[in-house]
Amino acid sequence: MAGIAVLAACAALVLYGLLHTGSDDASTAHHHTPTAPVTYEVTGAGTADLTYQARSTSGRATVVHAAHLPWHTTVDIPLGEKPSISIVLGHNGGQAHCSLAIHDKHAQSATATGPYGRATCTATLPKSSPSR
């Protein structure tokens, strides 16, 4: 009787090995998406609300309320995406300047001025890595 139980257990393991592909195991399946470093920088005085694209599994933008200026960050963004940063000044206005760099190369800049002034910097990343 014990031999039948061992034989059944072995058969079950062999069958499991044949049928299980491992594709549903998220902890061992790592899909690498090529990215590019994007640097966002906002200069000025005072504070501003900032919204920028970063690598996010949900695809949602990152929001920083009342960021103290000057401010900057560098994030990795998947190739083919459109990095962007938006500035919104408060009721006191002022002036703030955004710039966006990809691989440390300037891509775009813009300036927000006055009460509730707005500016957006955006660019397009290539769909594949440039040949080196």
N, C-alpha and C. Protein backbone atom coordinates (compact mmCIF):
# COMPACT_ATOMS: atom_id res chain seq x y z
N MET A 1 0.81 -1.18 0.00
CA MET A 1 0.00 0.00 0.00
C MET A 1 0.87 1.26 0.00
N ALA A 2 1.95 1.26 0.79
CA ALA A 2 2.85 2.42 0.84
C ALA A 2 3.51 2.63 -0.51
N GLY A 3 3.83 1.54 -1.22
CA GLY A 3 4.44 1.64 -2.55
C GLY A 3 3.53 2.33 -3.54
N ILE A 4 2.24 2.07 -3.46
CA ILE A 4 1.28 2.71 -4.37
C ILE A 4 1.20 4.20 -4.08
N ALA A 5 1.24 4.57 -2.80
CA ALA A 5 1.18 5.97 -2.43
C ALA A 5 2.41 6.72 -2.93
N VAL A 6 3.60 6.11 -2.81
CA VAL A 6 4.84 6.73 -3.29
C VAL A 6 4.79 6.86 -4.80
N LEU A 7 4.34 5.82 -5.49
CA LEU A 7 4.24 5.83 -6.95
C LEU A 7 3.26 6.92 -7.40
N ALA A 8 2.15 7.08 -6.72
CA ALA A 8 1.16 8.11 -7.07
C ALA A 8 1.75 9.51 -6.85
N ALA A 9 2.50 9.68 -5.77
CA ALA A 9 3.12 10.98 -5.49
C ALA A 9 4.15 11.32 -6.56
N CYS A 10 4.96 10.33 -6.98
CA CYS A 10 5.96 10.55 -8.02
C CYS A 10 5.28 10.91 -9.35
N ALA A 11 4.21 10.20 -9.67
CA ALA A 11 3.48 10.47 -10.91
C ALA A 11 2.91 11.88 -10.89
N ALA A 12 2.39 12.32 -9.74
CA ALA A 12 1.84 13.66 -9.62
C ALA A 12 2.93 14.72 -9.81
N LEU A 13 4.11 14.50 -9.26
CA LEU A 13 5.21 15.45 -9.43
C LEU A 13 5.67 15.53 -10.88
N VAL A 14 5.75 14.38 -11.56
CA VAL A 14 6.15 14.36 -12.97
C VAL A 14 5.11 15.10 -13.80
N LEU A 15 3.85 14.84 -13.56
CA LEU A 15 2.77 15.50 -14.29
C LEU A 15 2.80 17.01 -14.04
N TYR A 16 3.01 17.42 -12.80
CA TYR A 16 3.12 18.83 -12.47
C TYR A 16 4.27 19.48 -13.24
N GLY A 17 5.41 18.80 -13.28
CA GLY A 17 6.58 19.33 -14.00
C GLY A 17 6.32 19.48 -15.49
N LEU A 18 5.56 18.57 -16.08
CA LEU A 18 5.25 18.66 -17.50
C LEU A 18 4.26 19.77 -17.81
N LEU A 19 3.31 20.00 -16.94
CA LEU A 19 2.26 20.97 -17.19
C LEU A 19 2.60 22.38 -16.73
N HIS A 20 3.44 22.51 -15.73
CA HIS A 20 3.75 23.83 -15.17
C HIS A 20 4.86 24.49 -15.98
N THR A 21 4.56 25.65 -16.57
CA THR A 21 5.56 26.36 -17.38
C THR A 21 6.30 27.42 -16.60
N GLY A 22 5.76 27.83 -15.44
CA GLY A 22 6.42 28.86 -14.63
C GLY A 22 6.05 30.26 -15.05
N SER A 23 5.25 30.42 -16.10
CA SER A 23 4.92 31.76 -16.58
C SER A 23 4.03 32.54 -15.64
N ASP A 24 3.36 31.86 -14.71
CA ASP A 24 2.49 32.57 -13.78
C ASP A 24 3.20 32.94 -12.49
N ASP A 25 4.46 32.67 -12.37
CA ASP A 25 5.20 32.98 -11.16
C ASP A 25 5.89 34.33 -11.33
N ALA A 26 5.26 35.39 -10.85
CA ALA A 26 5.77 36.74 -11.04
C ALA A 26 7.07 36.98 -10.29
N SER A 27 7.32 36.23 -9.22
CA SER A 27 8.53 36.47 -8.44
C SER A 27 9.79 36.01 -9.16
N THR A 28 9.67 35.07 -10.09
CA THR A 28 10.86 34.61 -10.80
C THR A 28 10.92 35.13 -12.23
N ALA A 29 9.82 35.62 -12.76
CA ALA A 29 9.81 36.15 -14.13
C ALA A 29 10.13 37.64 -14.08
N HIS A 30 11.30 38.05 -14.58
CA HIS A 30 11.71 39.44 -14.60
C HIS A 30 11.84 39.88 -16.04
N HIS A 31 10.97 40.79 -16.45
CA HIS A 31 11.02 41.34 -17.79
C HIS A 31 11.74 42.68 -17.71
N HIS A 32 12.85 42.81 -18.39
CA HIS A 32 13.63 44.04 -18.34
C HIS A 32 13.19 44.97 -19.47
N THR A 33 12.70 46.14 -19.10
CA THR A 33 12.32 47.15 -20.07
C THR A 33 13.46 48.16 -20.17
N PRO A 34 13.98 48.39 -21.38
CA PRO A 34 15.07 49.38 -21.52
C PRO A 34 14.57 50.77 -21.13
N THR A 35 15.41 51.51 -20.44
CA THR A 35 15.06 52.85 -19.98
C THR A 35 16.14 53.85 -20.34
N ALA A 36 15.82 55.12 -20.15
CA ALA A 36 16.80 56.19 -20.33
C ALA A 36 16.71 57.10 -19.11
N PRO A 37 17.85 57.63 -18.64
CA PRO A 37 17.81 58.57 -17.51
C PRO A 37 17.30 59.94 -17.97
N VAL A 38 16.31 60.44 -17.26
CA VAL A 38 15.72 61.76 -17.55
C VAL A 38 15.87 62.62 -16.30
N THR A 39 16.42 63.81 -16.48
CA THR A 39 16.59 64.75 -15.37
C THR A 39 15.62 65.90 -15.53
N TYR A 40 14.83 66.12 -14.49
CA TYR A 40 13.92 67.25 -14.44
C TYR A 40 14.52 68.27 -13.48
N GLU A 41 14.47 69.54 -13.86
CA GLU A 41 14.98 70.60 -12.98
C GLU A 41 14.03 71.79 -13.05
N VAL A 42 13.73 72.34 -11.88
CA VAL A 42 12.89 73.53 -11.81
C VAL A 42 13.64 74.55 -10.96
N THR A 43 13.89 75.72 -11.54
CA THR A 43 14.58 76.80 -10.83
C THR A 43 13.60 77.93 -10.57
N GLY A 44 13.92 78.74 -9.61
CA GLY A 44 13.08 79.86 -9.22
C GLY A 44 13.15 80.02 -7.72
N ALA A 45 12.22 80.80 -7.19
CA ALA A 45 12.16 81.02 -5.75
C ALA A 45 10.77 80.66 -5.25
N GLY A 46 10.69 80.33 -3.98
CA GLY A 46 9.39 80.00 -3.41
C GLY A 46 9.02 78.55 -3.65
N THR A 47 7.73 78.31 -3.91
CA THR A 47 7.24 76.95 -4.10
C THR A 47 6.40 76.87 -5.37
N ALA A 48 6.23 75.65 -5.85
CA ALA A 48 5.38 75.38 -7.02
C ALA A 48 4.89 73.95 -6.93
N ASP A 49 3.73 73.68 -7.51
CA ASP A 49 3.25 72.31 -7.64
C ASP A 49 3.84 71.72 -8.90
N LEU A 50 4.40 70.52 -8.79
CA LEU A 50 5.07 69.87 -9.92
C LEU A 50 4.40 68.53 -10.20
N THR A 51 4.27 68.21 -11.47
CA THR A 51 3.76 66.91 -11.89
C THR A 51 4.71 66.39 -12.96
N TYR A 52 5.26 65.18 -12.73
CA TYR A 52 6.21 64.66 -13.70
C TYR A 52 6.03 63.16 -13.91
N GLN A 53 6.46 62.71 -15.08
CA GLN A 53 6.42 61.29 -15.41
C GLN A 53 7.67 60.63 -14.86
N ALA A 54 7.47 59.48 -14.25
CA ALA A 54 8.57 58.66 -13.76
C ALA A 54 8.22 57.22 -14.08
N ARG A 55 9.14 56.33 -13.85
CA ARG A 55 8.84 54.92 -14.11
C ARG A 55 7.83 54.46 -13.06
N SER A 56 6.65 54.14 -13.54
CA SER A 56 5.56 53.76 -12.64
C SER A 56 4.85 52.57 -13.23
N THR A 57 4.64 51.54 -12.42
CA THR A 57 3.94 50.37 -12.92
C THR A 57 2.48 50.69 -13.20
N SER A 58 1.94 51.72 -12.56
CA SER A 58 0.55 52.09 -12.80
C SER A 58 0.40 53.09 -13.94
N GLY A 59 1.50 53.71 -14.38
CA GLY A 59 1.44 54.70 -15.44
C GLY A 59 1.01 56.08 -14.96
N ARG A 60 0.82 56.23 -13.66
CA ARG A 60 0.40 57.52 -13.12
C ARG A 60 1.59 58.45 -12.94
N ALA A 61 1.32 59.74 -13.06
CA ALA A 61 2.34 60.75 -12.86
C ALA A 61 2.62 60.92 -11.37
N THR A 62 3.80 61.44 -11.07
CA THR A 62 4.18 61.76 -9.69
C THR A 62 3.88 63.23 -9.46
N VAL A 63 3.25 63.54 -8.34
CA VAL A 63 2.88 64.92 -8.02
C VAL A 63 3.62 65.34 -6.75
N VAL A 64 4.22 66.52 -6.81
CA VAL A 64 4.88 67.11 -5.64
C VAL A 64 4.18 68.43 -5.37
N HIS A 65 3.47 68.51 -4.25
CA HIS A 65 2.77 69.74 -3.87
C HIS A 65 3.72 70.65 -3.12
N ALA A 66 3.69 71.93 -3.47
CA ALA A 66 4.48 72.96 -2.79
C ALA A 66 5.96 72.60 -2.70
N ALA A 67 6.53 72.18 -3.84
CA ALA A 67 7.96 71.86 -3.89
C ALA A 67 8.77 73.13 -3.67
N HIS A 68 9.76 73.06 -2.79
CA HIS A 68 10.63 74.21 -2.56
C HIS A 68 11.63 74.29 -3.70
N LEU A 69 11.69 75.48 -4.32
CA LEU A 69 12.59 75.69 -5.46
C LEU A 69 13.91 76.26 -4.99
N PRO A 70 15.02 75.95 -5.64
CA PRO A 70 15.16 75.07 -6.81
C PRO A 70 14.96 73.60 -6.44
N TRP A 71 14.58 72.81 -7.44
CA TRP A 71 14.25 71.39 -7.26
C TRP A 71 14.75 70.62 -8.48
N HIS A 72 15.18 69.37 -8.24
CA HIS A 72 15.55 68.52 -9.38
C HIS A 72 15.48 67.05 -8.98
N THR A 73 15.33 66.19 -9.98
CA THR A 73 15.36 64.75 -9.78
C THR A 73 15.73 64.09 -11.10
N THR A 74 16.31 62.89 -10.99
CA THR A 74 16.61 62.09 -12.17
C THR A 74 15.90 60.75 -12.01
N VAL A 75 15.17 60.34 -13.04
CA VAL A 75 14.42 59.09 -13.02
C VAL A 75 14.69 58.32 -14.30
N ASP A 76 14.49 57.01 -14.26
CA ASP A 76 14.60 56.18 -15.46
C ASP A 76 13.21 56.00 -16.05
N ILE A 77 13.08 56.28 -17.34
CA ILE A 77 11.79 56.19 -18.02
C ILE A 77 11.92 55.20 -19.17
N PRO A 78 10.93 54.32 -19.34
CA PRO A 78 10.99 53.34 -20.43
C PRO A 78 11.11 54.01 -21.81
N LEU A 79 11.95 53.44 -22.66
CA LEU A 79 12.11 53.97 -24.01
C LEU A 79 10.77 53.96 -24.74
N GLY A 80 10.57 54.96 -25.59
CA GLY A 80 9.33 55.10 -26.33
C GLY A 80 8.29 55.93 -25.61
N GLU A 81 8.51 56.24 -24.33
CA GLU A 81 7.57 57.04 -23.56
C GLU A 81 7.88 58.53 -23.74
N LYS A 82 6.98 59.38 -23.23
CA LYS A 82 7.14 60.83 -23.32
C LYS A 82 7.35 61.42 -21.93
N PRO A 83 8.61 61.66 -21.54
CA PRO A 83 8.83 62.30 -20.24
C PRO A 83 8.30 63.74 -20.28
N SER A 84 7.74 64.17 -19.17
CA SER A 84 7.26 65.55 -19.08
C SER A 84 7.22 66.00 -17.63
N ILE A 85 7.32 67.31 -17.46
CA ILE A 85 7.16 67.92 -16.15
C ILE A 85 6.34 69.19 -16.33
N SER A 86 5.37 69.40 -15.44
CA SER A 86 4.53 70.59 -15.47
C SER A 86 4.71 71.36 -14.17
N ILE A 87 4.71 72.69 -14.30
CA ILE A 87 4.83 73.59 -13.16
C ILE A 87 3.51 74.35 -13.03
N VAL A 88 3.02 74.50 -11.82
CA VAL A 88 1.89 75.39 -11.55
C VAL A 88 2.27 76.26 -10.36
N LEU A 89 2.34 77.56 -10.60
CA LEU A 89 2.66 78.49 -9.53
C LEU A 89 1.41 78.77 -8.71
N GLY A 90 1.59 79.28 -7.50
CA GLY A 90 0.48 79.59 -6.62
C GLY A 90 -0.09 80.97 -6.88
N HIS A 91 -0.97 81.41 -5.98
CA HIS A 91 -1.63 82.71 -6.14
C HIS A 91 -0.66 83.89 -6.00
N ASN A 92 0.49 83.67 -5.37
CA ASN A 92 1.49 84.73 -5.26
C ASN A 92 2.30 84.89 -6.54
N GLY A 93 2.17 83.96 -7.45
CA GLY A 93 2.86 84.07 -8.74
C GLY A 93 4.36 83.91 -8.62
N GLY A 94 5.07 84.75 -9.33
CA GLY A 94 6.52 84.67 -9.38
C GLY A 94 6.96 84.15 -10.73
N GLN A 95 8.08 83.48 -10.73
CA GLN A 95 8.61 82.92 -11.98
C GLN A 95 9.36 81.63 -11.65
N ALA A 96 9.14 80.61 -12.46
CA ALA A 96 9.85 79.34 -12.32
C ALA A 96 10.17 78.82 -13.72
N HIS A 97 11.30 78.19 -13.84
CA HIS A 97 11.80 77.70 -15.14
C HIS A 97 12.01 76.20 -15.05
N CYS A 98 11.40 75.42 -15.95
CA CYS A 98 11.62 73.97 -15.96
C CYS A 98 12.54 73.62 -17.12
N SER A 99 13.31 72.56 -16.92
CA SER A 99 14.13 72.02 -18.01
C SER A 99 14.13 70.51 -17.90
N LEU A 100 14.30 69.87 -19.04
CA LEU A 100 14.27 68.42 -19.13
C LEU A 100 15.50 67.99 -19.92
N ALA A 101 16.25 67.03 -19.39
CA ALA A 101 17.44 66.52 -20.07
C ALA A 101 17.36 65.00 -20.16
N ILE A 102 17.75 64.47 -21.31
CA ILE A 102 17.78 63.02 -21.53
C ILE A 102 19.24 62.63 -21.75
N HIS A 103 19.73 61.66 -20.99
CA HIS A 103 21.15 61.28 -21.03
C HIS A 103 22.04 62.51 -20.86
N ASP A 104 21.66 63.41 -19.94
CA ASP A 104 22.40 64.64 -19.63
C ASP A 104 22.47 65.62 -20.80
N LYS A 105 21.60 65.47 -21.81
CA LYS A 105 21.55 66.41 -22.93
C LYS A 105 20.22 67.15 -22.89
N HIS A 106 20.32 68.48 -22.92
CA HIS A 106 19.12 69.33 -22.85
C HIS A 106 18.12 68.95 -23.93
N ALA A 107 16.85 68.80 -23.54
CA ALA A 107 15.80 68.45 -24.50
C ALA A 107 14.77 69.57 -24.65
N GLN A 108 14.38 70.22 -23.55
CA GLN A 108 13.41 71.30 -23.63
C GLN A 108 13.41 72.10 -22.35
N SER A 109 12.96 73.37 -22.44
CA SER A 109 12.77 74.20 -21.26
C SER A 109 11.59 75.14 -21.49
N ALA A 110 11.03 75.64 -20.40
CA ALA A 110 9.90 76.56 -20.46
C ALA A 110 9.86 77.35 -19.17
N THR A 111 9.13 78.47 -19.19
CA THR A 111 9.05 79.34 -18.02
C THR A 111 7.60 79.65 -17.68
N ALA A 112 7.27 79.57 -16.39
CA ALA A 112 5.96 79.94 -15.88
C ALA A 112 6.11 81.27 -15.15
N THR A 113 5.17 82.20 -15.37
CA THR A 113 5.23 83.50 -14.69
C THR A 113 3.84 83.90 -14.22
N GLY A 114 3.81 84.75 -13.18
CA GLY A 114 2.58 85.35 -12.70
C GLY A 114 1.75 84.43 -11.82
N PRO A 115 0.67 84.98 -11.27
CA PRO A 115 -0.22 84.18 -10.42
C PRO A 115 -0.79 82.98 -11.20
N TYR A 116 -0.67 81.82 -10.60
CA TYR A 116 -1.12 80.55 -11.20
C TYR A 116 -0.49 80.27 -12.57
N GLY A 117 0.71 80.83 -12.78
CA GLY A 117 1.42 80.59 -14.04
C GLY A 117 1.71 79.11 -14.24
N ARG A 118 1.72 78.70 -15.51
CA ARG A 118 1.94 77.29 -15.85
C ARG A 118 2.98 77.17 -16.95
N ALA A 119 3.70 76.06 -16.90
CA ALA A 119 4.65 75.73 -17.97
C ALA A 119 4.83 74.22 -17.98
N THR A 120 5.11 73.69 -19.15
CA THR A 120 5.34 72.24 -19.30
C THR A 120 6.54 72.01 -20.20
N CYS A 121 7.39 71.09 -19.78
CA CYS A 121 8.52 70.63 -20.59
C CYS A 121 8.25 69.17 -20.94
N THR A 122 8.38 68.83 -22.21
CA THR A 122 8.14 67.46 -22.64
C THR A 122 9.09 67.09 -23.77
N ALA A 123 9.31 65.81 -23.94
CA ALA A 123 10.18 65.30 -25.00
C ALA A 123 9.72 63.88 -25.34
N THR A 124 10.31 63.30 -26.35
CA THR A 124 9.98 61.92 -26.71
C THR A 124 11.26 61.10 -26.67
N LEU A 125 11.21 59.99 -25.96
CA LEU A 125 12.36 59.09 -25.92
C LEU A 125 12.33 58.20 -27.15
N PRO A 126 13.51 57.82 -27.67
CA PRO A 126 13.52 56.88 -28.80
C PRO A 126 12.92 55.55 -28.38
N LYS A 127 12.47 54.77 -29.34
CA LYS A 127 11.88 53.45 -29.04
C LYS A 127 12.94 52.41 -28.73
N SER A 128 14.19 52.69 -29.08
CA SER A 128 15.27 51.74 -28.78
C SER A 128 16.52 52.53 -28.41
N SER A 129 17.46 51.83 -27.78
CA SER A 129 18.71 52.45 -27.36
C SER A 129 19.55 52.79 -28.57
N PRO A 130 20.20 53.96 -28.56
CA PRO A 130 21.09 54.31 -29.67
C PRO A 130 22.32 53.40 -29.64
N SER A 131 22.83 53.09 -30.81
CA SER A 131 24.05 52.27 -30.91
C SER A 131 25.22 53.06 -30.39
N ARG A 132 26.08 52.41 -29.67
CA ARG A 132 27.26 53.10 -29.12
C ARG A 132 28.49 52.69 -29.84
